[in-house]
Amino acid sequence: GNIWAGGPPFNEPTGISSGEHAVPNAGTSFHTYAVELDRSTS
C-alpha cells in the first residue's frame, strides 16, 4: 500500500511481510493458503 519508496511501515516495494514460513512437502502435496480481511472490529 501507500506509495513507491514511501517509507515505513510499507517500505515499498517491500510491503508489510510475514517473512518466510516453512511449508512441509510444498511441492508434492496440496496445502490451503487463505487470508481473511476482517472489518467486524474497531
All heavy atoms as atom14 arrays in JSON, in Angstrom:
{
  "sequence": "GNIWAGGPPFNEPTGISSGEHAVPNAGTSFHTYAVELDRSTS",
  "atom14_mask": [
    [1, 1, 1, 1, 0, 0, 0, 0, 0, 0, 0, 0, 0, 0],
    [1, 1, 1, 1, 1, 1, 1, 1, 0, 0, 0, 0, 0, 0],
    [1, 1, 1, 1, 1, 1, 1, 1, 0, 0, 0, 0, 0, 0],
    [1, 1, 1, 1, 1, 1, 1, 1, 1, 1, 1, 1, 1, 1],
    [1, 1, 1, 1, 1, 0, 0, 0, 0, 0, 0, 0, 0, 0],
    [1, 1, 1, 1, 0, 0, 0, 0, 0, 0, 0, 0, 0, 0],
    [1, 1, 1, 1, 0, 0, 0, 0, 0, 0, 0, 0, 0, 0],
    [1, 1, 1, 1, 1, 1, 1, 0, 0, 0, 0, 0, 0, 0],
    [1, 1, 1, 1, 1, 1, 1, 0, 0, 0, 0, 0, 0, 0],
    [1, 1, 1, 1, 1, 1, 1, 1, 1, 1, 1, 0, 0, 0],
    [1, 1, 1, 1, 1, 1, 1, 1, 0, 0, 0, 0, 0, 0],
    [1, 1, 1, 1, 1, 1, 1, 1, 1, 0, 0, 0, 0, 0],
    [1, 1, 1, 1, 1, 1, 1, 0, 0, 0, 0, 0, 0, 0],
    [1, 1, 1, 1, 1, 1, 1, 0, 0, 0, 0, 0, 0, 0],
    [1, 1, 1, 1, 0, 0, 0, 0, 0, 0, 0, 0, 0, 0],
    [1, 1, 1, 1, 1, 1, 1, 1, 0, 0, 0, 0, 0, 0],
    [1, 1, 1, 1, 1, 1, 0, 0, 0, 0, 0, 0, 0, 0],
    [1, 1, 1, 1, 1, 1, 0, 0, 0, 0, 0, 0, 0, 0],
    [1, 1, 1, 1, 0, 0, 0, 0, 0, 0, 0, 0, 0, 0],
    [1, 1, 1, 1, 1, 1, 1, 1, 1, 0, 0, 0, 0, 0],
    [1, 1, 1, 1, 1, 1, 1, 1, 1, 1, 0, 0, 0, 0],
    [1, 1, 1, 1, 1, 0, 0, 0, 0, 0, 0, 0, 0, 0],
    [1, 1, 1, 1, 1, 1, 1, 0, 0, 0, 0, 0, 0, 0],
    [1, 1, 1, 1, 1, 1, 1, 0, 0, 0, 0, 0, 0, 0],
    [1, 1, 1, 1, 1, 1, 1, 1, 0, 0, 0, 0, 0, 0],
    [1, 1, 1, 1, 1, 0, 0, 0, 0, 0, 0, 0, 0, 0],
    [1, 1, 1, 1, 0, 0, 0, 0, 0, 0, 0, 0, 0, 0],
    [1, 1, 1, 1, 1, 1, 1, 0, 0, 0, 0, 0, 0, 0],
    [1, 1, 1, 1, 1, 1, 0, 0, 0, 0, 0, 0, 0, 0],
    [1, 1, 1, 1, 1, 1, 1, 1, 1, 1, 1, 0, 0, 0],
    [1, 1, 1, 1, 1, 1, 1, 1, 1, 1, 0, 0, 0, 0],
    [1, 1, 1, 1, 1, 1, 1, 0, 0, 0, 0, 0, 0, 0],
    [1, 1, 1, 1, 1, 1, 1, 1, 1, 1, 1, 1, 0, 0],
    [1, 1, 1, 1, 1, 0, 0, 0, 0, 0, 0, 0, 0, 0],
    [1, 1, 1, 1, 1, 1, 1, 0, 0, 0, 0, 0, 0, 0],
    [1, 1, 1, 1, 1, 1, 1, 1, 1, 0, 0, 0, 0, 0],
    [1, 1, 1, 1, 1, 1, 1, 1, 0, 0, 0, 0, 0, 0],
    [1, 1, 1, 1, 1, 1, 1, 1, 0, 0, 0, 0, 0, 0],
    [1, 1, 1, 1, 1, 1, 1, 1, 1, 1, 1, 0, 0, 0],
    [1, 1, 1, 1, 1, 1, 0, 0, 0, 0, 0, 0, 0, 0],
    [1, 1, 1, 1, 1, 1, 1, 0, 0, 0, 0, 0, 0, 0],
    [1, 1, 1, 1, 1, 1, 0, 0, 0, 0, 0, 0, 0, 0]
  ],
  "atom14_positions": [
    [[0.82, -1.2, 0.0], [0.0, 0.0, 0.0], [0.86, 1.25, 0.0], [2.08, 1.19, -0.17], [0.0, 0.0, 0.0], [0.0, 0.0, 0.0], [0.0, 0.0, 0.0], [0.0, 0.0, 0.0], [0.0, 0.0, 0.0], [0.0, 0.0, 0.0], [0.0, 0.0, 0.0], [0.0, 0.0, 0.0], [0.0, 0.0, 0.0], [0.0, 0.0, 0.0]],
    [[0.22, 2.41, 0.19], [0.89, 3.71, 0.22], [1.51, 3.98, -1.15], [0.88, 3.74, -2.17], [1.92, 3.76, 1.35], [2.41, 5.17, 1.64], [3.49, 5.53, 1.21], [1.61, 5.95, 2.36], [0.0, 0.0, 0.0], [0.0, 0.0, 0.0], [0.0, 0.0, 0.0], [0.0, 0.0, 0.0], [0.0, 0.0, 0.0], [0.0, 0.0, 0.0]],
    [[2.73, 4.48, -1.23], [3.36, 4.83, -2.5], [4.75, 4.2, -2.57], [5.33, 3.8, -1.57], [3.49, 6.36, -2.66], [4.35, 6.96, -1.54], [2.11, 6.99, -2.71], [4.64, 8.44, -1.72], [0.0, 0.0, 0.0], [0.0, 0.0, 0.0], [0.0, 0.0, 0.0], [0.0, 0.0, 0.0], [0.0, 0.0, 0.0], [0.0, 0.0, 0.0]],
    [[5.26, 4.12, -3.8], [6.61, 3.59, -4.02], [7.62, 4.43, -3.24], [7.59, 5.65, -3.27], [6.93, 3.63, -5.51], [8.23, 2.97, -5.87], [9.47, 3.52, -5.77], [8.42, 1.66, -6.4], [10.42, 2.63, -6.2], [9.81, 1.48, -6.59], [7.55, 0.63, -6.73], [10.34, 0.3, -7.11], [8.08, -0.54, -7.25], [9.46, -0.68, -7.43]],
    [[8.51, 3.74, -2.53], [9.55, 4.4, -1.74], [8.95, 5.37, -0.71], [9.55, 6.4, -0.4], [10.55, 5.12, -2.64], [0.0, 0.0, 0.0], [0.0, 0.0, 0.0], [0.0, 0.0, 0.0], [0.0, 0.0, 0.0], [0.0, 0.0, 0.0], [0.0, 0.0, 0.0], [0.0, 0.0, 0.0], [0.0, 0.0, 0.0], [0.0, 0.0, 0.0]],
    [[7.78, 5.0, -0.17], [7.09, 5.88, 0.75], [7.54, 5.78, 2.19], [7.01, 6.49, 3.04], [0.0, 0.0, 0.0], [0.0, 0.0, 0.0], [0.0, 0.0, 0.0], [0.0, 0.0, 0.0], [0.0, 0.0, 0.0], [0.0, 0.0, 0.0], [0.0, 0.0, 0.0], [0.0, 0.0, 0.0], [0.0, 0.0, 0.0], [0.0, 0.0, 0.0]],
    [[8.49, 4.89, 2.48], [8.96, 4.76, 3.84], [8.07, 3.87, 4.69], [7.12, 3.26, 4.2], [0.0, 0.0, 0.0], [0.0, 0.0, 0.0], [0.0, 0.0, 0.0], [0.0, 0.0, 0.0], [0.0, 0.0, 0.0], [0.0, 0.0, 0.0], [0.0, 0.0, 0.0], [0.0, 0.0, 0.0], [0.0, 0.0, 0.0], [0.0, 0.0, 0.0]],
    [[8.39, 3.78, 6.0], [7.63, 2.9, 6.9], [6.15, 3.31, 6.96], [5.84, 4.5, 6.77], [8.32, 3.11, 8.26], [9.67, 3.64, 7.92], [9.49, 4.46, 6.68], [0.0, 0.0, 0.0], [0.0, 0.0, 0.0], [0.0, 0.0, 0.0], [0.0, 0.0, 0.0], [0.0, 0.0, 0.0], [0.0, 0.0, 0.0], [0.0, 0.0, 0.0]],
    [[5.25, 2.35, 7.26], [5.55, 0.94, 7.55], [5.58, 0.05, 6.31], [5.98, -1.1, 6.38], [4.41, 0.53, 8.46], [3.25, 1.34, 7.95], [3.83, 2.67, 7.54], [0.0, 0.0, 0.0], [0.0, 0.0, 0.0], [0.0, 0.0, 0.0], [0.0, 0.0, 0.0], [0.0, 0.0, 0.0], [0.0, 0.0, 0.0], [0.0, 0.0, 0.0]],
    [[5.14, 0.59, 5.14], [5.08, -0.25, 3.95], [6.45, -0.46, 3.31], [6.72, -1.54, 2.77], [4.11, 0.35, 2.93], [2.66, 0.19, 3.3], [1.97, 1.22, 3.91], [2.0, -0.99, 3.04], [0.63, 1.08, 4.24], [0.66, -1.15, 3.36], [-0.03, -0.11, 3.97], [0.0, 0.0, 0.0], [0.0, 0.0, 0.0], [0.0, 0.0, 0.0]],
    [[7.29, 0.57, 3.34], [8.63, 0.45, 2.75], [8.59, -0.14, 1.35], [9.35, -1.07, 1.02], [9.53, -0.41, 3.66], [9.85, 0.27, 4.97], [10.23, 1.45, 5.0], [9.68, -0.45, 6.06], [0.0, 0.0, 0.0], [0.0, 0.0, 0.0], [0.0, 0.0, 0.0], [0.0, 0.0, 0.0], [0.0, 0.0, 0.0], [0.0, 0.0, 0.0]],
    [[7.69, 0.38, 0.52], [7.55, -0.18, -0.83], [8.82, 0.0, -1.66], [9.52, 1.01, -1.51], [6.36, 0.49, -1.53], [5.02, 0.16, -0.91], [4.66, -1.32, -0.91], [5.44, -2.16, -1.41], [3.6, -1.64, -0.39], [0.0, 0.0, 0.0], [0.0, 0.0, 0.0], [0.0, 0.0, 0.0], [0.0, 0.0, 0.0], [0.0, 0.0, 0.0]],
    [[9.14, -1.06, -2.44], [8.27, -2.14, -2.87], [8.25, -3.38, -1.99], [7.75, -4.43, -2.4], [8.83, -2.5, -4.25], [10.31, -2.26, -4.1], [10.41, -1.03, -3.21], [0.0, 0.0, 0.0], [0.0, 0.0, 0.0], [0.0, 0.0, 0.0], [0.0, 0.0, 0.0], [0.0, 0.0, 0.0], [0.0, 0.0, 0.0], [0.0, 0.0, 0.0]],
    [[8.77, -3.3, -0.75], [8.81, -4.49, 0.11], [7.45, -4.84, 0.66], [7.05, -6.01, 0.69], [9.8, -4.27, 1.26], [11.1, -4.02, 0.72], [9.86, -5.49, 2.16], [0.0, 0.0, 0.0], [0.0, 0.0, 0.0], [0.0, 0.0, 0.0], [0.0, 0.0, 0.0], [0.0, 0.0, 0.0], [0.0, 0.0, 0.0], [0.0, 0.0, 0.0]],
    [[6.69, -3.85, 1.15], [5.42, -4.11, 1.78], [5.57, -4.61, 3.21], [6.68, -4.73, 3.75], [0.0, 0.0, 0.0], [0.0, 0.0, 0.0], [0.0, 0.0, 0.0], [0.0, 0.0, 0.0], [0.0, 0.0, 0.0], [0.0, 0.0, 0.0], [0.0, 0.0, 0.0], [0.0, 0.0, 0.0], [0.0, 0.0, 0.0], [0.0, 0.0, 0.0]],
    [[4.44, -4.88, 3.85], [4.42, -5.42, 5.21], [4.34, -6.93, 5.08], [3.31, -7.48, 4.66], [3.25, -4.87, 6.02], [3.33, -3.34, 6.09], [3.25, -5.45, 7.43], [2.12, -2.7, 6.75], [0.0, 0.0, 0.0], [0.0, 0.0, 0.0], [0.0, 0.0, 0.0], [0.0, 0.0, 0.0], [0.0, 0.0, 0.0], [0.0, 0.0, 0.0]],
    [[5.42, -7.62, 5.41], [5.56, -9.04, 5.07], [5.59, -9.93, 6.3], [6.07, -9.55, 7.37], [6.84, -9.26, 4.26], [7.07, -10.63, 4.03], [0.0, 0.0, 0.0], [0.0, 0.0, 0.0], [0.0, 0.0, 0.0], [0.0, 0.0, 0.0], [0.0, 0.0, 0.0], [0.0, 0.0, 0.0], [0.0, 0.0, 0.0], [0.0, 0.0, 0.0]],
    [[5.14, -11.16, 6.1], [5.2, -12.19, 7.14], [6.59, -12.72, 7.35], [6.87, -13.36, 8.37], [4.3, -13.37, 6.75], [4.8, -14.02, 5.59], [0.0, 0.0, 0.0], [0.0, 0.0, 0.0], [0.0, 0.0, 0.0], [0.0, 0.0, 0.0], [0.0, 0.0, 0.0], [0.0, 0.0, 0.0], [0.0, 0.0, 0.0], [0.0, 0.0, 0.0]],
    [[7.49, -12.49, 6.38], [8.72, -13.23, 6.37], [8.46, -14.66, 5.89], [7.34, -15.02, 5.52], [0.0, 0.0, 0.0], [0.0, 0.0, 0.0], [0.0, 0.0, 0.0], [0.0, 0.0, 0.0], [0.0, 0.0, 0.0], [0.0, 0.0, 0.0], [0.0, 0.0, 0.0], [0.0, 0.0, 0.0], [0.0, 0.0, 0.0], [0.0, 0.0, 0.0]],
    [[9.5, -15.45, 5.87], [9.41, -16.8, 5.31], [8.89, -17.81, 6.34], [9.36, -17.85, 7.48], [10.79, -17.24, 4.81], [10.78, -18.57, 4.07], [12.14, -18.91, 3.45], [13.14, -18.27, 3.86], [12.19, -19.79, 2.58], [0.0, 0.0, 0.0], [0.0, 0.0, 0.0], [0.0, 0.0, 0.0], [0.0, 0.0, 0.0], [0.0, 0.0, 0.0]],
    [[7.92, -18.63, 5.93], [7.38, -19.68, 6.78], [7.48, -21.01, 6.03], [7.11, -21.11, 4.86], [5.92, -19.41, 7.14], [5.76, -18.34, 8.17], [5.5, -18.6, 9.49], [5.86, -16.99, 8.07], [5.42, -17.47, 10.17], [5.64, -16.47, 9.32], [0.0, 0.0, 0.0], [0.0, 0.0, 0.0], [0.0, 0.0, 0.0], [0.0, 0.0, 0.0]],
    [[7.96, -22.03, 6.71], [8.14, -23.34, 6.1], [6.8, -23.97, 5.75], [5.82, -23.83, 6.49], [8.91, -24.26, 7.03], [0.0, 0.0, 0.0], [0.0, 0.0, 0.0], [0.0, 0.0, 0.0], [0.0, 0.0, 0.0], [0.0, 0.0, 0.0], [0.0, 0.0, 0.0], [0.0, 0.0, 0.0], [0.0, 0.0, 0.0], [0.0, 0.0, 0.0]],
    [[6.77, -24.68, 4.6], [5.59, -25.45, 4.17], [6.07, -26.87, 3.89], [6.71, -27.12, 2.87], [4.95, -24.84, 2.91], [3.72, -25.66, 2.5], [4.57, -23.39, 3.13], [0.0, 0.0, 0.0], [0.0, 0.0, 0.0], [0.0, 0.0, 0.0], [0.0, 0.0, 0.0], [0.0, 0.0, 0.0], [0.0, 0.0, 0.0], [0.0, 0.0, 0.0]],
    [[5.81, -27.83, 4.79], [6.28, -29.19, 4.57], [5.73, -29.77, 3.27], [4.55, -29.63, 2.97], [5.74, -29.95, 5.79], [5.5, -28.9, 6.83], [5.09, -27.67, 6.06], [0.0, 0.0, 0.0], [0.0, 0.0, 0.0], [0.0, 0.0, 0.0], [0.0, 0.0, 0.0], [0.0, 0.0, 0.0], [0.0, 0.0, 0.0], [0.0, 0.0, 0.0]],
    [[6.6, -30.39, 2.47], [6.2, -31.05, 1.24], [5.41, -30.11, 0.32], [4.44, -30.5, -0.32], [5.36, -32.3, 1.54], [6.07, -33.26, 2.47], [7.23, -33.62, 2.23], [5.4, -33.68, 3.53], [0.0, 0.0, 0.0], [0.0, 0.0, 0.0], [0.0, 0.0, 0.0], [0.0, 0.0, 0.0], [0.0, 0.0, 0.0], [0.0, 0.0, 0.0]],
    [[5.87, -28.87, 0.25], [5.15, -27.85, -0.52], [4.98, -28.23, -1.98], [3.96, -27.89, -2.59], [5.88, -26.51, -0.42], [0.0, 0.0, 0.0], [0.0, 0.0, 0.0], [0.0, 0.0, 0.0], [0.0, 0.0, 0.0], [0.0, 0.0, 0.0], [0.0, 0.0, 0.0], [0.0, 0.0, 0.0], [0.0, 0.0, 0.0], [0.0, 0.0, 0.0]],
    [[5.96, -28.92, -2.57], [5.92, -29.25, -3.98], [5.37, -30.62, -4.29], [5.28, -30.98, -5.47], [0.0, 0.0, 0.0], [0.0, 0.0, 0.0], [0.0, 0.0, 0.0], [0.0, 0.0, 0.0], [0.0, 0.0, 0.0], [0.0, 0.0, 0.0], [0.0, 0.0, 0.0], [0.0, 0.0, 0.0], [0.0, 0.0, 0.0], [0.0, 0.0, 0.0]],
    [[4.98, -31.38, -3.27], [4.48, -32.74, -3.51], [3.11, -32.98, -2.89], [2.56, -34.07, -3.02], [5.46, -33.79, -2.96], [5.7, -33.55, -1.56], [6.78, -33.74, -3.72], [0.0, 0.0, 0.0], [0.0, 0.0, 0.0], [0.0, 0.0, 0.0], [0.0, 0.0, 0.0], [0.0, 0.0, 0.0], [0.0, 0.0, 0.0], [0.0, 0.0, 0.0]],
    [[2.55, -32.0, -2.2], [1.22, -32.15, -1.62], [0.49, -30.8, -1.64], [1.12, -29.75, -1.74], [1.3, -32.68, -0.18], [2.03, -31.79, 0.65], [0.0, 0.0, 0.0], [0.0, 0.0, 0.0], [0.0, 0.0, 0.0], [0.0, 0.0, 0.0], [0.0, 0.0, 0.0], [0.0, 0.0, 0.0], [0.0, 0.0, 0.0], [0.0, 0.0, 0.0]],
    [[-0.81, -30.88, -1.54], [-1.63, -29.68, -1.56], [-1.75, -29.09, -0.15], [-1.83, -29.82, 0.84], [-3.03, -29.98, -2.1], [-3.08, -30.16, -3.58], [-2.77, -31.4, -4.15], [-3.41, -29.11, -4.42], [-2.81, -31.57, -5.53], [-3.45, -29.27, -5.8], [-3.15, -30.5, -6.35], [0.0, 0.0, 0.0], [0.0, 0.0, 0.0], [0.0, 0.0, 0.0]],
    [[-1.74, -27.76, -0.09], [-1.93, -27.03, 1.16], [-2.93, -25.91, 0.92], [-3.01, -25.37, -0.19], [-0.61, -26.44, 1.66], [0.41, -27.47, 2.02], [0.55, -27.97, 3.29], [1.33, -28.12, 1.26], [1.51, -28.88, 3.31], [2.0, -28.98, 2.08], [0.0, 0.0, 0.0], [0.0, 0.0, 0.0], [0.0, 0.0, 0.0], [0.0, 0.0, 0.0]],
    [[-3.68, -25.56, 1.95], [-4.61, -24.44, 1.82], [-3.92, -23.16, 2.27], [-3.3, -23.1, 3.33], [-5.88, -24.66, 2.66], [-5.54, -24.9, 4.02], [-6.68, -25.83, 2.12], [0.0, 0.0, 0.0], [0.0, 0.0, 0.0], [0.0, 0.0, 0.0], [0.0, 0.0, 0.0], [0.0, 0.0, 0.0], [0.0, 0.0, 0.0], [0.0, 0.0, 0.0]],
    [[-4.02, -22.15, 1.41], [-3.5, -20.81, 1.69], [-4.69, -19.86, 1.68], [-5.47, -19.83, 0.72], [-2.49, -20.4, 0.61], [-1.31, -21.33, 0.48], [-1.35, -22.42, -0.39], [-0.14, -21.12, 1.22], [-0.25, -23.27, -0.51], [0.96, -21.96, 1.1], [0.89, -23.04, 0.23], [1.97, -23.88, 0.1], [0.0, 0.0, 0.0], [0.0, 0.0, 0.0]],
    [[-4.85, -19.1, 2.75], [-6.04, -18.25, 2.86], [-5.71, -16.95, 3.56], [-4.72, -16.84, 4.29], [-7.13, -19.0, 3.64], [0.0, 0.0, 0.0], [0.0, 0.0, 0.0], [0.0, 0.0, 0.0], [0.0, 0.0, 0.0], [0.0, 0.0, 0.0], [0.0, 0.0, 0.0], [0.0, 0.0, 0.0], [0.0, 0.0, 0.0], [0.0, 0.0, 0.0]],
    [[-6.59, -15.96, 3.33], [-6.5, -14.69, 4.04], [-7.91, -14.26, 4.39], [-8.86, -14.51, 3.63], [-5.79, -13.6, 3.2], [-6.62, -13.22, 1.98], [-5.47, -12.37, 4.04], [0.0, 0.0, 0.0], [0.0, 0.0, 0.0], [0.0, 0.0, 0.0], [0.0, 0.0, 0.0], [0.0, 0.0, 0.0], [0.0, 0.0, 0.0], [0.0, 0.0, 0.0]],
    [[-8.07, -13.65, 5.56], [-9.33, -13.05, 5.95], [-9.13, -11.56, 6.17], [-8.24, -11.15, 6.94], [-9.88, -13.68, 7.22], [-10.4, -15.09, 7.02], [-10.99, -15.72, 8.25], [-10.94, -15.09, 9.34], [-11.51, -16.85, 8.14], [0.0, 0.0, 0.0], [0.0, 0.0, 0.0], [0.0, 0.0, 0.0], [0.0, 0.0, 0.0], [0.0, 0.0, 0.0]],
    [[-9.92, -10.75, 5.49], [-9.96, -9.31, 5.72], [-11.17, -9.05, 6.63], [-12.32, -9.2, 6.2], [-10.1, -8.55, 4.4], [-10.29, -7.04, 4.49], [-9.19, -6.37, 5.3], [-10.38, -6.43, 3.09], [0.0, 0.0, 0.0], [0.0, 0.0, 0.0], [0.0, 0.0, 0.0], [0.0, 0.0, 0.0], [0.0, 0.0, 0.0], [0.0, 0.0, 0.0]],
    [[-10.89, -8.71, 7.88], [-11.92, -8.62, 8.91], [-12.2, -7.16, 9.25], [-11.35, -6.46, 9.82], [-11.45, -9.38, 10.16], [-12.54, -9.51, 11.21], [-13.57, -8.81, 11.1], [-12.36, -10.3, 12.15], [0.0, 0.0, 0.0], [0.0, 0.0, 0.0], [0.0, 0.0, 0.0], [0.0, 0.0, 0.0], [0.0, 0.0, 0.0], [0.0, 0.0, 0.0]],
    [[-13.4, -6.71, 8.9], [-13.82, -5.35, 9.19], [-14.9, -5.32, 10.27], [-15.65, -4.36, 10.39], [-14.33, -4.67, 7.92], [-13.3, -4.56, 6.79], [-13.85, -3.76, 5.62], [-14.24, -2.41, 6.03], [-14.92, -1.56, 5.24], [-15.29, -1.94, 4.02], [-15.25, -0.37, 5.68], [0.0, 0.0, 0.0], [0.0, 0.0, 0.0], [0.0, 0.0, 0.0]],
    [[-14.97, -6.4, 11.06], [-16.05, -6.51, 12.05], [-15.67, -5.94, 13.41], [-16.52, -5.9, 14.31], [-16.45, -7.98, 12.22], [-15.4, -8.73, 12.81], [0.0, 0.0, 0.0], [0.0, 0.0, 0.0], [0.0, 0.0, 0.0], [0.0, 0.0, 0.0], [0.0, 0.0, 0.0], [0.0, 0.0, 0.0], [0.0, 0.0, 0.0], [0.0, 0.0, 0.0]],
    [[-14.43, -5.51, 13.6], [-13.98, -4.96, 14.87], [-13.4, -3.57, 14.65], [-13.08, -3.18, 13.52], [-12.92, -5.87, 15.52], [-11.8, -5.99, 14.63], [-13.49, -7.25, 15.81], [0.0, 0.0, 0.0], [0.0, 0.0, 0.0], [0.0, 0.0, 0.0], [0.0, 0.0, 0.0], [0.0, 0.0, 0.0], [0.0, 0.0, 0.0], [0.0, 0.0, 0.0]],
    [[-13.24, -2.83, 15.74], [-12.75, -1.45, 15.62], [-11.34, -1.41, 15.07], [-10.99, -0.48, 14.32], [-12.8, -0.75, 16.98], [-12.05, -1.46, 17.95], [0.0, 0.0, 0.0], [0.0, 0.0, 0.0], [0.0, 0.0, 0.0], [0.0, 0.0, 0.0], [0.0, 0.0, 0.0], [0.0, 0.0, 0.0], [0.0, 0.0, 0.0], [0.0, 0.0, 0.0]]
  ]
}
